[in-house]
Amino acid sequence: MKAAWKTTTALTAVVGLLASSGAAFAQSAELIAAAKAEGMLTTIALPHDWCGYGELIADFKAKYGLEVNELNPDAGSADEIEAVKANKGNTGPQAPDVLDIGLSFGPSAKAEGLLQPYKVATWDTIPDTAKDAEGYWYGDYYGVLSFEVNTDIVKNVPQDWADLLKPEYANAVALAGDPRASNQAIQGVYAAGLSRGAAAGAAAGEEGLKFFAELNKAGNFVPVIGKAASVAQGSTPIVIRWDYNALADRDTLNGNPPIEVVVPKTGVVAGVYVQAISAYAPHPNAAKLWMEYIYSDEGQLKWLEGYCHPIRFNDLVKNGKVPQDLLDKLPPAEAYEAAVFPTLEEQGASKEAITKGWDSVVGANVQ
């Protein structure tokens, strides 16, 4: 993105940026036939509890009768890029067709020649600031970083980043990925830096590293990848993760244990993820059909059901496509008033600082 996005409510983060097309799901019989001839779509890094992907994948399979080969659901964005590089000449089951990666990985993957362009039927309703003009990558959904807290164990729920340093949170706090590879974890470190007043970009990344060094030294940081199971078991009773993941966990665990999802008071970082098709996709038509599906009204609403704000959200609302009961399940708007959308330049600078400095500054091997 060329300029920072700021949001005044959770539901109007991209007001004014969307085109007015409201195009419905459109694709050709030829594309469907070509995809069916390929018979398979290979995905990577799509956990079923992330953003409603379990239902999206199941519906896609049912709708088109294609097999979906799911590689390494817990992979980070960097792992996805490496999988493309490692399988350039491989048409077998280890070569991913499609990618779901952090925003900063889109332009770099394009520059390396790892992506192929494709523009879906609803292209005009994706904000210009959230897509590559040539169609090499395009925003899919966004959320904000939050604290997912097991309140059976944590009675005094932290409300901001500084709270996490308190002695009462010993052996309690984890990231939802490895900050040397996972976009979600990198953004968590960045958000902590912003919460301390550091300037956007490399400075916030460096300050975030200092915060996590203090958290680790205090004995509060747990160097494992936090997920629903570790929150429920109590090995990581506080996990820093995207709000949509935390809210999905809250629903899945259904009170056993009870989960509270907190959007911190400061350092509220919103992140856009992007889709892309591998330049070496063994099933390019299945990949294009997948993109048509997830950018259709139907696919976008599936993401919203998974608590992700789809990139076409405002277009859907304007055209009366979002059920009220779905809107009612989202967090209160005021929690998002301080949210900021880092620019690509800011993300790139902070990512470099964090991935290169984590081992030397923090020294915790997250795995």
Protein backbone atom coordinates (compact mmCIF):
# COMPACT_ATOMS: atom_id res chain seq x y z
CA MET A 1 0.00 0.00 0.00
CA LYS A 2 1.26 3.46 -0.87
CA ALA A 3 -0.34 5.27 2.04
CA ALA A 4 -1.32 4.21 5.52
CA TRP A 5 -4.91 3.27 6.07
CA LYS A 6 -6.52 4.46 9.28
CA THR A 7 -9.82 3.21 10.53
CA THR A 8 -12.47 4.84 12.68
CA THR A 9 -14.58 1.75 12.99
CA ALA A 10 -14.05 -1.92 12.39
CA LEU A 11 -16.47 -1.88 9.53
CA THR A 12 -15.42 1.25 7.63
CA ALA A 13 -11.69 0.77 7.29
CA VAL A 14 -11.77 1.04 3.55
CA VAL A 15 -14.67 3.44 3.03
CA GLY A 16 -14.24 5.47 -0.12
CA LEU A 17 -11.65 3.14 -1.55
CA LEU A 18 -13.95 0.62 -3.13
CA ALA A 19 -15.31 0.87 -6.63
CA SER A 20 -19.04 0.73 -7.14
CA SER A 21 -19.19 -2.27 -9.44
CA GLY A 22 -20.82 -4.78 -7.09
CA ALA A 23 -20.04 -7.40 -9.71
CA ALA A 24 -21.50 -10.80 -8.98
CA PHE A 25 -19.63 -14.08 -9.15
CA ALA A 26 -18.72 -14.53 -12.80
CA GLN A 27 -16.64 -17.13 -14.56
CA SER A 28 -16.68 -19.12 -17.75
CA ALA A 29 -17.77 -22.69 -18.31
CA GLU A 30 -14.43 -23.07 -20.08
CA LEU A 31 -12.50 -22.20 -16.90
CA ILE A 32 -14.53 -24.66 -14.85
CA ALA A 33 -13.98 -27.40 -17.44
CA ALA A 34 -10.24 -26.68 -17.61
CA ALA A 35 -9.95 -26.77 -13.81
CA LYS A 36 -11.86 -30.06 -13.64
CA ALA A 37 -9.52 -31.51 -16.25
CA GLU A 38 -6.58 -30.68 -13.96
CA GLY A 39 -8.51 -32.33 -11.14
CA MET A 40 -6.69 -30.79 -8.19
CA LEU A 41 -5.80 -27.56 -6.41
CA THR A 42 -2.75 -27.46 -4.14
CA THR A 43 -2.92 -24.94 -1.29
CA ILE A 44 -0.43 -24.14 1.46
CA ALA A 45 -0.60 -22.48 4.88
CA LEU A 46 -4.41 -22.57 5.22
CA PRO A 47 -5.39 -23.86 8.70
CA HIS A 48 -9.08 -24.75 8.81
CA ASP A 49 -9.62 -22.53 11.85
CA TRP A 50 -8.02 -19.51 10.13
CA CYS A 51 -10.49 -17.05 8.65
CA GLY A 52 -13.13 -19.69 7.92
CA TYR A 53 -10.87 -21.59 5.53
CA GLY A 54 -12.17 -25.00 6.61
CA GLU A 55 -15.63 -24.20 5.27
CA LEU A 56 -14.27 -22.36 2.23
CA ILE A 57 -12.23 -25.38 1.17
CA ALA A 58 -15.08 -27.80 1.82
CA ASP A 59 -17.53 -25.67 -0.19
CA PHE A 60 -15.08 -25.29 -3.07
CA LYS A 61 -14.60 -29.06 -3.25
CA ALA A 62 -18.36 -29.66 -3.14
CA LYS A 63 -19.10 -26.98 -5.73
CA TYR A 64 -16.59 -28.09 -8.35
CA GLY A 65 -15.69 -31.68 -7.50
CA LEU A 66 -11.97 -30.89 -7.33
CA GLU A 67 -9.52 -32.46 -4.92
CA VAL A 68 -7.77 -29.94 -2.64
CA ASN A 69 -4.26 -30.98 -1.66
CA GLU A 70 -3.44 -29.06 1.52
CA LEU A 71 0.26 -28.54 2.26
CA ASN A 72 1.65 -27.55 5.68
CA PRO A 73 -1.35 -25.70 7.20
CA ASP A 74 0.80 -24.02 9.88
CA ALA A 75 3.39 -22.59 7.46
CA GLY A 76 4.24 -18.88 7.54
CA SER A 77 4.40 -16.51 4.58
CA ALA A 78 8.15 -17.00 4.13
CA ASP A 79 7.64 -20.78 4.08
CA GLU A 80 5.09 -20.38 1.28
CA ILE A 81 7.56 -18.41 -0.83
CA GLU A 82 10.28 -20.99 -0.21
CA ALA A 83 7.89 -23.77 -1.26
CA VAL A 84 7.38 -22.03 -4.62
CA LYS A 85 11.13 -21.61 -5.09
CA ALA A 86 11.89 -25.21 -4.11
CA ASN A 87 9.34 -26.63 -6.55
CA LYS A 88 9.95 -24.57 -9.70
CA GLY A 89 10.41 -27.66 -11.86
CA ASN A 90 8.10 -29.93 -9.90
CA THR A 91 4.56 -30.64 -11.08
CA GLY A 92 3.92 -33.05 -8.24
CA PRO A 93 1.91 -32.68 -5.01
CA GLN A 94 4.54 -30.59 -3.19
CA ALA A 95 4.24 -27.61 -5.53
CA PRO A 96 1.69 -25.01 -4.33
CA ASP A 97 -0.69 -23.46 -6.84
CA VAL A 98 -1.90 -20.56 -4.72
CA LEU A 99 -0.54 -18.43 -1.91
CA ASP A 100 -2.08 -16.51 1.01
CA ILE A 101 0.72 -14.27 2.27
CA GLY A 102 1.35 -11.12 4.26
CA LEU A 103 1.12 -7.89 2.27
CA SER A 104 4.86 -7.25 2.25
CA PHE A 105 5.55 -10.62 0.61
CA GLY A 106 3.48 -9.80 -2.51
CA PRO A 107 5.75 -7.23 -4.18
CA SER A 108 8.94 -9.12 -3.30
CA ALA A 109 7.57 -12.38 -4.73
CA LYS A 110 6.52 -10.53 -7.89
CA ALA A 111 10.00 -9.01 -8.21
CA GLU A 112 11.53 -12.48 -7.97
CA GLY A 113 9.32 -13.77 -10.78
CA LEU A 114 7.48 -16.21 -8.52
CA LEU A 115 3.93 -15.10 -9.35
CA GLN A 116 1.66 -15.01 -12.41
CA PRO A 117 -0.96 -12.30 -12.97
CA TYR A 118 -4.70 -12.91 -12.87
CA LYS A 119 -7.62 -10.53 -12.42
CA VAL A 120 -10.86 -11.94 -11.02
CA ALA A 121 -14.30 -10.87 -12.23
CA THR A 122 -14.75 -8.67 -9.14
CA TRP A 123 -11.37 -6.97 -9.64
CA ASP A 124 -12.78 -3.43 -9.73
CA THR A 125 -14.22 -3.79 -6.21
CA ILE A 126 -10.79 -4.45 -4.68
CA PRO A 127 -9.20 -1.16 -3.49
CA ASP A 128 -6.40 0.06 -5.75
CA THR A 129 -4.19 0.51 -2.68
CA ALA A 130 -4.56 -3.19 -1.85
CA LYS A 131 -3.63 -4.78 -5.17
CA ASP A 132 -0.90 -4.89 -7.77
CA ALA A 133 -2.06 -2.94 -10.83
CA GLU A 134 -0.95 -5.77 -13.12
CA GLY A 135 -2.74 -8.46 -11.12
CA TYR A 136 0.23 -10.28 -9.61
CA TRP A 137 -1.17 -10.04 -6.04
CA TYR A 138 -4.35 -8.69 -4.47
CA GLY A 139 -5.68 -8.08 -0.96
CA ASP A 140 -8.07 -10.68 0.42
CA TYR A 141 -8.95 -9.83 4.04
CA TYR A 142 -7.73 -7.92 7.08
CA GLY A 143 -7.90 -7.95 10.86
CA VAL A 144 -6.14 -6.44 13.89
CA LEU A 145 -3.73 -7.98 16.37
CA SER A 146 -5.33 -8.91 19.67
CA PHE A 147 -4.73 -10.84 22.89
CA GLU A 148 -6.47 -14.22 23.10
CA VAL A 149 -6.76 -14.98 26.81
CA ASN A 150 -7.76 -18.14 28.70
CA THR A 151 -9.70 -16.59 31.61
CA ASP A 152 -9.76 -19.85 33.56
CA ILE A 153 -6.04 -19.26 34.13
CA VAL A 154 -5.63 -15.50 33.65
CA LYS A 155 -8.03 -13.75 36.02
CA ASN A 156 -6.69 -10.23 35.48
CA VAL A 157 -6.94 -9.90 31.69
CA PRO A 158 -4.24 -7.63 30.15
CA GLN A 159 -5.61 -4.60 28.35
CA ASP A 160 -2.46 -3.26 26.67
CA TRP A 161 1.04 -4.29 25.63
CA ALA A 162 2.75 -2.88 28.72
CA ASP A 163 0.57 -5.09 30.91
CA LEU A 164 2.21 -8.20 29.45
CA LEU A 165 5.45 -7.37 31.29
CA LYS A 166 3.80 -7.74 34.72
CA PRO A 167 5.11 -10.59 36.93
CA GLU A 168 1.63 -12.16 37.12
CA TYR A 169 2.00 -13.22 33.47
CA ALA A 170 5.05 -15.44 33.99
CA ASN A 171 5.29 -18.24 31.39
CA ALA A 172 2.05 -17.03 29.83
CA VAL A 173 2.61 -15.01 26.65
CA ALA A 174 3.21 -16.45 23.18
CA LEU A 175 3.20 -15.33 19.57
CA ALA A 176 1.15 -17.21 16.97
CA GLY A 177 4.15 -17.86 14.75
CA ASP A 178 7.92 -17.64 14.44
CA PRO A 179 8.85 -13.92 14.11
CA ARG A 180 11.68 -14.86 11.77
CA ALA A 181 9.21 -16.21 9.19
CA SER A 182 5.56 -15.60 10.10
CA ASN A 183 3.91 -12.35 9.03
CA GLN A 184 1.46 -12.58 11.94
CA ALA A 185 4.30 -12.83 14.45
CA ILE A 186 6.32 -10.08 12.74
CA GLN A 187 3.33 -7.77 12.99
CA GLY A 188 2.94 -8.68 16.67
CA VAL A 189 6.49 -7.52 17.37
CA TYR A 190 5.90 -4.38 15.29
CA ALA A 191 2.69 -3.56 17.20
CA ALA A 192 4.52 -3.80 20.51
CA GLY A 193 7.05 -1.30 19.19
CA LEU A 194 4.35 1.12 18.06
CA SER A 195 2.71 0.87 21.49
CA ARG A 196 5.87 2.37 22.98
CA GLY A 197 5.64 5.41 20.74
CA ALA A 198 8.25 4.38 18.18
CA ALA A 199 7.95 5.78 14.68
CA ALA A 200 6.38 3.58 12.04
CA GLY A 201 8.83 1.43 10.09
CA ALA A 202 12.25 0.17 11.20
CA ALA A 203 12.15 2.13 14.49
CA ALA A 204 8.97 0.35 15.61
CA GLY A 205 10.48 -2.98 14.61
CA GLU A 206 13.60 -2.32 16.68
CA GLU A 207 11.56 -1.11 19.66
CA GLY A 208 9.36 -4.20 19.36
CA LEU A 209 12.45 -6.40 19.58
CA LYS A 210 13.45 -4.60 22.79
CA PHE A 211 9.97 -5.19 24.20
CA PHE A 212 10.15 -8.92 23.49
CA ALA A 213 13.69 -9.08 24.88
CA GLU A 214 12.30 -7.66 28.13
CA LEU A 215 9.35 -10.04 28.01
CA ASN A 216 11.72 -12.97 27.52
CA LYS A 217 14.10 -11.83 30.27
CA ALA A 218 11.17 -11.44 32.66
CA GLY A 219 10.21 -15.08 32.03
CA ASN A 220 6.84 -14.13 30.59
CA PHE A 221 7.50 -15.14 26.99
CA VAL A 222 6.84 -18.74 25.97
CA PRO A 223 8.91 -19.65 22.85
CA VAL A 224 6.34 -21.89 21.17
CA ILE A 225 3.86 -21.16 18.38
CA GLY A 226 0.61 -20.42 20.19
CA LYS A 227 -2.63 -21.89 18.88
CA ALA A 228 -6.09 -22.83 20.14
CA ALA A 229 -4.90 -26.10 21.71
CA SER A 230 -2.07 -24.47 23.66
CA VAL A 231 -4.40 -21.71 24.89
CA ALA A 232 -6.96 -24.27 26.03
CA GLN A 233 -4.34 -26.49 27.69
CA GLY A 234 -2.84 -23.51 29.49
CA SER A 235 0.70 -23.86 28.12
CA THR A 236 0.22 -20.47 26.41
CA PRO A 237 -2.75 -18.84 28.19
CA ILE A 238 -2.16 -15.54 26.38
CA VAL A 239 -1.52 -15.58 22.62
CA ILE A 240 -0.95 -12.53 20.43
CA ARG A 241 -2.83 -13.17 17.21
CA TRP A 242 -5.18 -11.74 14.62
CA ASP A 243 -8.61 -10.97 16.03
CA TYR A 244 -10.33 -13.27 13.54
CA ASN A 245 -8.30 -16.26 14.72
CA ALA A 246 -8.91 -15.43 18.37
CA LEU A 247 -12.66 -14.96 17.86
CA ALA A 248 -12.87 -18.23 15.95
CA ASP A 249 -11.09 -19.99 18.82
CA ARG A 250 -13.54 -18.42 21.28
CA ASP A 251 -16.44 -19.92 19.35
CA THR A 252 -14.79 -23.30 18.80
CA LEU A 253 -13.84 -23.73 22.47
CA ASN A 254 -17.36 -22.60 23.43
CA GLY A 255 -16.57 -21.77 27.05
CA ASN A 256 -14.26 -24.74 27.69
CA PRO A 257 -12.19 -22.85 28.63
CA PRO A 258 -13.72 -19.36 28.41
CA ILE A 259 -11.79 -17.05 26.07
CA GLU A 260 -11.65 -13.28 26.15
CA VAL A 261 -10.42 -11.40 23.08
CA VAL A 262 -8.85 -8.01 23.78
CA VAL A 263 -7.89 -5.40 21.21
CA PRO A 264 -5.09 -3.51 23.00
CA LYS A 265 -5.49 0.18 23.78
CA THR A 266 -2.30 1.14 21.92
CA GLY A 267 -0.27 -0.37 19.10
CA VAL A 268 -3.38 -1.54 17.25
CA VAL A 269 -1.99 -2.87 13.99
CA ALA A 270 -4.29 -3.93 11.18
CA GLY A 271 -2.92 -6.30 8.61
CA VAL A 272 -3.97 -7.08 5.06
CA TYR A 273 -3.16 -10.46 3.59
CA VAL A 274 -2.92 -11.01 -0.15
CA GLN A 275 -3.60 -13.81 -2.61
CA ALA A 276 -1.44 -14.81 -5.55
CA ILE A 277 -0.98 -17.63 -8.03
CA SER A 278 2.43 -19.29 -8.30
CA ALA A 279 4.23 -18.70 -11.56
CA TYR A 280 4.95 -22.43 -11.51
CA ALA A 281 1.46 -23.62 -10.52
CA PRO A 282 0.92 -27.21 -11.75
CA HIS A 283 -2.84 -26.52 -11.83
CA PRO A 284 -3.16 -22.93 -13.13
CA ASN A 285 -6.82 -23.19 -14.12
CA ALA A 286 -7.82 -24.67 -10.76
CA ALA A 287 -5.89 -21.79 -9.19
CA LYS A 288 -7.86 -19.23 -11.23
CA LEU A 289 -11.14 -20.95 -10.36
CA TRP A 290 -10.19 -20.81 -6.68
CA MET A 291 -9.55 -17.08 -6.98
CA GLU A 292 -12.90 -16.54 -8.69
CA TYR A 293 -14.60 -18.42 -5.87
CA ILE A 294 -12.95 -16.65 -2.93
CA TYR A 295 -13.48 -13.21 -4.48
CA SER A 296 -17.13 -13.89 -5.26
CA ASP A 297 -19.83 -12.58 -2.90
CA GLU A 298 -20.19 -16.13 -1.60
CA GLY A 299 -16.50 -16.59 -0.86
CA GLN A 300 -16.08 -13.14 0.68
CA LEU A 301 -18.97 -13.76 3.08
CA LYS A 302 -17.38 -17.06 4.13
CA TRP A 303 -14.32 -15.08 5.25
CA LEU A 304 -16.56 -12.71 7.19
CA GLU A 305 -18.17 -15.69 8.91
CA GLY A 306 -14.62 -16.55 9.99
CA TYR A 307 -14.34 -13.01 11.49
CA CYS A 308 -12.07 -11.69 8.76
CA HIS A 309 -13.05 -8.45 7.10
CA PRO A 310 -13.02 -9.36 3.40
CA ILE A 311 -11.39 -6.84 1.10
CA ARG A 312 -14.72 -6.31 -0.74
CA PHE A 313 -16.57 -5.72 2.55
CA ASN A 314 -17.88 -2.23 1.85
CA ASP A 315 -19.03 -3.21 -1.63
CA LEU A 316 -20.97 -6.11 -0.10
CA VAL A 317 -22.54 -3.89 2.57
CA LYS A 318 -23.50 -1.22 0.06
CA ASN A 319 -25.28 -3.80 -2.04
CA GLY A 320 -27.09 -5.35 0.95
CA LYS A 321 -25.21 -8.64 0.74
CA VAL A 322 -24.15 -8.95 4.42
CA PRO A 323 -26.72 -10.50 6.81
CA GLN A 324 -27.32 -8.43 9.96
CA ASP A 325 -26.74 -11.39 12.26
CA LEU A 326 -23.26 -11.70 10.78
CA LEU A 327 -22.52 -8.02 11.42
CA ASP A 328 -23.73 -8.45 15.02
CA LYS A 329 -21.07 -11.09 15.74
CA LEU A 330 -18.19 -8.69 15.06
CA PRO A 331 -16.34 -6.88 17.89
CA PRO A 332 -17.52 -3.41 18.95
CA ALA A 333 -16.41 -0.70 16.58
CA GLU A 334 -14.80 1.51 19.24
CA ALA A 335 -12.11 -1.12 19.89
CA TYR A 336 -10.78 -0.43 16.41
CA GLU A 337 -10.65 3.35 16.49
CA ALA A 338 -6.88 3.44 17.02
CA ALA A 339 -6.09 0.88 14.31
CA VAL A 340 -3.43 1.73 11.71
CA PHE A 341 -2.61 -0.01 8.42
CA PRO A 342 1.17 0.05 7.89
CA THR A 343 2.32 0.97 4.40
CA LEU A 344 4.32 -1.49 2.33
CA GLU A 345 7.43 0.59 2.95
CA GLU A 346 6.86 0.55 6.72
CA GLN A 347 6.19 -3.17 6.69
CA GLY A 348 9.28 -3.86 4.64
CA ALA A 349 11.54 -1.84 6.92
CA SER A 350 10.13 -3.34 10.11
CA LYS A 351 10.17 -6.88 8.69
CA GLU A 352 13.87 -6.59 7.89
CA ALA A 353 14.67 -5.24 11.35
CA ILE A 354 12.65 -7.93 13.12
CA THR A 355 13.65 -11.00 11.11
CA LYS A 356 17.35 -10.09 11.15
CA GLY A 357 17.46 -8.91 14.76
CA TRP A 358 15.29 -11.46 16.57
CA ASP A 359 18.03 -13.99 17.35
CA SER A 360 20.58 -11.44 18.55
CA VAL A 361 18.20 -9.13 20.44
CA VAL A 362 15.59 -11.53 21.85
CA GLY A 363 17.37 -14.89 21.57
CA ALA A 364 14.27 -17.08 21.89
CA ASN A 365 13.95 -19.94 19.40
CA VAL A 366 10.22 -20.00 18.65
CA GLN A 367 9.07 -23.36 17.29
